[in-house]
Every structure is written in C-alpha cells, then in structure tokens.
N, C-alpha and C. Protein backbone atom coordinates (compact mmCIF):
# COMPACT_ATOMS: atom_id res chain seq x y z
N MET A 1 11.98 12.74 23.01
CA MET A 1 11.50 11.42 22.19
C MET A 1 10.72 12.31 20.82
N LEU A 2 9.41 13.38 21.62
CA LEU A 2 9.29 14.14 19.99
C LEU A 2 10.43 14.86 19.34
N GLU A 3 11.43 15.31 19.51
CA GLU A 3 12.50 15.84 18.93
C GLU A 3 13.07 15.04 17.95
N ILE A 4 13.13 13.45 18.52
CA ILE A 4 13.64 12.89 17.23
C ILE A 4 12.59 12.61 15.80
N LEU A 5 11.14 12.54 16.98
CA LEU A 5 10.07 12.15 15.68
C LEU A 5 10.23 13.56 14.94
N ASN A 6 10.09 14.48 15.01
CA ASN A 6 10.26 15.70 14.56
C ASN A 6 11.39 16.10 13.47
N LYS A 7 12.23 15.37 13.55
CA LYS A 7 13.59 15.14 13.17
C LYS A 7 13.41 14.19 11.96
N MET A 8 12.42 13.15 12.11
CA MET A 8 12.65 11.94 11.13
C MET A 8 11.07 12.02 10.09
N PHE A 9 10.04 13.51 10.41
CA PHE A 9 8.87 13.57 9.77
C PHE A 9 8.90 15.01 9.15
N GLU A 10 10.34 15.20 8.98
CA GLU A 10 10.12 16.80 8.98
C GLU A 10 9.93 16.67 6.94
N SER A 11 10.31 16.62 6.14
CA SER A 11 9.81 16.17 5.44
C SER A 11 8.75 14.43 5.28
N SER A 12 7.69 14.43 4.12
CA SER A 12 6.44 13.50 4.59
C SER A 12 7.54 11.84 4.38
N VAL A 13 6.70 11.47 4.87
CA VAL A 13 7.25 9.59 5.06
C VAL A 13 6.07 9.36 4.44
N THR A 14 6.19 7.82 3.39
CA THR A 14 5.26 7.24 2.84
C THR A 14 5.37 6.02 3.65
N PHE A 15 4.34 5.60 3.75
CA PHE A 15 3.41 4.35 4.06
C PHE A 15 3.08 3.26 3.17
N LYS A 16 3.64 2.02 3.07
CA LYS A 16 3.01 1.35 1.87
C LYS A 16 2.07 -0.14 2.62
N GLY A 17 1.51 -0.62 2.07
CA GLY A 17 0.94 -1.84 2.47
C GLY A 17 -0.51 -1.90 2.14
N LYS A 18 -1.17 -3.02 2.83
CA LYS A 18 -2.44 -3.11 2.31
C LYS A 18 -3.29 -2.61 3.20
N CYS A 19 -4.43 -2.92 2.43
CA CYS A 19 -5.95 -2.66 2.91
C CYS A 19 -6.63 -3.60 4.47
N ILE A 20 -6.91 -3.41 5.60
CA ILE A 20 -7.08 -4.97 5.92
C ILE A 20 -8.21 -5.42 5.53
N ASP A 21 -9.00 -4.02 5.11
CA ASP A 21 -10.57 -4.34 4.94
C ASP A 21 -10.80 -5.22 3.64
N CYS A 22 -10.57 -4.80 2.12
CA CYS A 22 -10.97 -5.36 0.72
C CYS A 22 -9.57 -5.48 0.45
N GLY A 23 -8.26 -5.25 1.09
CA GLY A 23 -6.74 -5.91 0.40
C GLY A 23 -6.32 -5.01 -0.19
N CYS A 24 -7.07 -3.86 -0.87
CA CYS A 24 -6.22 -3.20 -1.95
C CYS A 24 -4.34 -2.73 -1.52
N ASP A 25 -3.96 -2.34 -2.36
CA ASP A 25 -2.88 -1.51 -2.57
C ASP A 25 -3.16 -0.20 -1.37
N VAL A 26 -2.25 0.37 -0.36
CA VAL A 26 -3.12 1.84 -0.05
C VAL A 26 -1.48 2.29 0.34
N ILE A 27 -1.19 3.37 -0.25
CA ILE A 27 0.02 4.21 -0.14
C ILE A 27 -0.33 5.38 0.71
N ILE A 28 0.01 5.54 1.52
CA ILE A 28 -0.25 7.00 3.05
C ILE A 28 0.70 7.57 3.05
N ASP A 29 0.83 8.79 2.79
CA ASP A 29 1.66 9.81 3.33
C ASP A 29 1.74 10.33 5.00
N ILE A 30 2.63 10.21 5.41
CA ILE A 30 2.32 10.70 6.80
C ILE A 30 3.48 12.18 6.28
N VAL A 31 2.52 13.38 6.65
CA VAL A 31 2.80 15.03 6.34
C VAL A 31 3.42 15.28 7.73
N PRO A 32 4.66 16.55 8.02
CA PRO A 32 4.28 17.52 9.16
C PRO A 32 2.90 18.35 9.01
N THR A 33 2.60 19.07 10.16
CA THR A 33 1.25 19.82 10.23
C THR A 33 1.49 20.46 10.93
N SER A 34 0.75 21.94 11.09
CA SER A 34 1.28 22.57 11.97
C SER A 34 0.37 22.17 13.74
N SER A 35 0.13 21.27 13.57
CA SER A 35 -0.84 20.95 14.78
C SER A 35 -0.16 19.61 15.18
N GLY A 36 0.76 18.72 13.70
CA GLY A 36 1.38 17.73 14.54
C GLY A 36 1.69 16.58 12.93
N TYR A 37 0.61 15.82 12.58
CA TYR A 37 1.10 15.33 11.88
C TYR A 37 -0.01 14.46 11.06
N GLY A 38 -0.18 14.82 9.49
CA GLY A 38 -1.78 14.68 8.37
C GLY A 38 -1.17 13.55 8.33
N LEU A 39 -2.52 12.58 7.63
CA LEU A 39 -2.35 11.28 6.91
C LEU A 39 -2.64 11.36 5.52
N ASN A 40 -2.50 11.49 4.49
CA ASN A 40 -2.81 11.39 2.69
C ASN A 40 -3.07 10.09 2.45
N GLY A 41 -4.30 9.71 2.03
CA GLY A 41 -4.29 8.35 1.32
C GLY A 41 -4.53 7.30 1.83
N GLY A 42 -5.37 7.40 3.58
CA GLY A 42 -5.94 6.14 4.20
C GLY A 42 -5.74 6.51 5.35
N ALA A 43 -6.35 5.54 6.26
CA ALA A 43 -5.79 5.23 7.64
C ALA A 43 -4.99 4.59 8.57
N LEU A 44 -4.11 4.70 9.23
CA LEU A 44 -3.60 3.85 9.95
C LEU A 44 -4.17 3.92 11.49
N LEU A 45 -4.34 2.36 11.52
CA LEU A 45 -4.99 1.96 13.00
C LEU A 45 -4.03 1.03 14.05
N LYS A 46 -4.38 0.70 15.26
CA LYS A 46 -3.57 -0.07 16.02
C LYS A 46 -4.83 -1.02 16.49
N SER A 47 -4.68 -2.28 16.29
CA SER A 47 -5.16 -3.17 17.00
C SER A 47 -5.26 -3.32 18.25
N SER A 48 -5.45 -4.34 18.49
CA SER A 48 -5.22 -4.79 19.89
C SER A 48 -4.38 -5.40 20.86
N THR A 49 -4.03 -5.95 19.39
CA THR A 49 -2.37 -7.13 19.29
C THR A 49 -1.03 -5.34 19.17
N ASP A 50 -1.53 -4.56 19.45
CA ASP A 50 -0.29 -3.45 18.89
C ASP A 50 0.07 -3.56 17.47
N LYS A 51 -0.51 -3.89 16.77
CA LYS A 51 -0.06 -4.21 15.50
C LYS A 51 -0.45 -2.93 14.64
N CYS A 52 0.00 -2.52 13.51
CA CYS A 52 -0.33 -1.24 12.67
C CYS A 52 -1.12 -1.73 12.13
N CYS A 53 -2.17 -1.03 11.28
CA CYS A 53 -2.88 -2.09 10.16
C CYS A 53 -3.15 -0.58 9.95
N ALA A 54 -3.76 -0.73 8.21
CA ALA A 54 -4.27 0.44 7.41
C ALA A 54 -5.19 0.17 6.39
N LYS A 55 -6.18 1.61 6.39
CA LYS A 55 -7.46 1.20 5.42
C LYS A 55 -6.99 2.38 4.97
N CYS A 56 -7.96 1.63 3.53
CA CYS A 56 -7.96 2.42 2.49
C CYS A 56 -9.26 3.44 2.56
N PRO A 57 -9.01 5.02 1.98
CA PRO A 57 -9.81 5.53 2.49
C PRO A 57 -11.43 5.21 2.33
N ASP A 58 -11.53 4.43 1.03
CA ASP A 58 -12.79 4.16 1.38
C ASP A 58 -13.57 3.18 2.09
N CYS A 59 -12.81 2.39 2.24
CA CYS A 59 -12.75 1.48 3.90
C CYS A 59 -13.38 2.11 5.09
N TYR A 60 -12.33 3.37 5.07
CA TYR A 60 -12.09 3.70 6.40
C TYR A 60 -13.53 5.20 6.99
N LYS A 61 -13.71 5.10 5.34
CA LYS A 61 -14.98 5.76 5.17
C LYS A 61 -16.31 4.88 6.22
N ALA A 62 -16.30 4.20 4.66
CA ALA A 62 -17.74 3.17 5.35
C ALA A 62 -17.45 2.14 6.49
N ASN A 63 -16.18 1.91 7.42
CA ASN A 63 -16.09 1.90 8.98
C ASN A 63 -14.58 2.25 9.55
N PRO A 64 -15.43 3.40 10.03
CA PRO A 64 -13.45 3.74 11.07
C PRO A 64 -12.71 3.12 11.50
N LYS A 65 -13.62 2.20 11.97
CA LYS A 65 -13.43 1.30 13.56
C LYS A 65 -12.42 0.24 12.62
N LEU A 66 -11.40 -0.25 13.31
CA LEU A 66 -10.85 -2.21 13.68
C LEU A 66 -11.35 -2.90 13.72
N ASN A 67 -12.08 -3.71 12.78
CA ASN A 67 -12.27 -5.09 13.09
C ASN A 67 -11.18 -5.96 13.27
N ASP A 68 -10.92 -6.16 14.73
CA ASP A 68 -9.71 -7.11 15.20
C ASP A 68 -9.69 -8.68 14.77
N GLN A 69 -10.97 -9.04 14.26
CA GLN A 69 -11.18 -10.38 13.47
C GLN A 69 -9.83 -10.03 12.33
N ASN A 70 -10.16 -9.31 11.75
CA ASN A 70 -9.32 -9.02 10.00
C ASN A 70 -7.76 -8.76 10.69
N SER A 71 -7.73 -8.00 11.46
CA SER A 71 -6.29 -7.65 11.90
C SER A 71 -5.58 -8.70 12.56
N ALA A 72 -6.03 -9.96 13.35
CA ALA A 72 -5.22 -11.49 13.13
C ALA A 72 -4.97 -12.50 12.40
N GLN A 73 -6.05 -11.49 11.05
CA GLN A 73 -6.04 -12.95 10.03
C GLN A 73 -4.42 -12.30 9.09
N ARG A 74 -4.12 -11.11 9.00
CA ARG A 74 -3.10 -10.65 8.34
C ARG A 74 -1.50 -10.00 9.05
C-alpha cells in the first residue's frame, strides 16, 4: 500500500474544496517530503464519520480541532 501511495504522490497533488468553518475556497497542495507528506495551503481533518474535511490556514490557526457539528452539516 505504501508503494502505491508513494507512486501516486511522486509529485504534488492538489485538493480543492471549501473550509469547513468559514466556507471559503481552500486549495491544499499535498507534497512529498523527506519524512512523508506535507500540506501547503490548509489542513485536512478526518471527522468522526470518516469524512475528510478541509480548513483554511486562518481557521486552522484559530481552532485546529474539527467541530463535528460543522462536518455533519456539509
């Protein structure tokens, strides 16, 4: 599985979506690093319902945790 992920992410991959908190457009680049993968442009969080949610840098800085009530609405 790790080999497949490494092949997929040899170059950067871009996630486009909406911030779960403020609703602004979020573009997150997932880039390979020497220790795994890094995110530029925001954060990706997993909700209790196994959904992937994005936060813009400002909202993540204000509250790095996911409010599952927001994730259930979107």
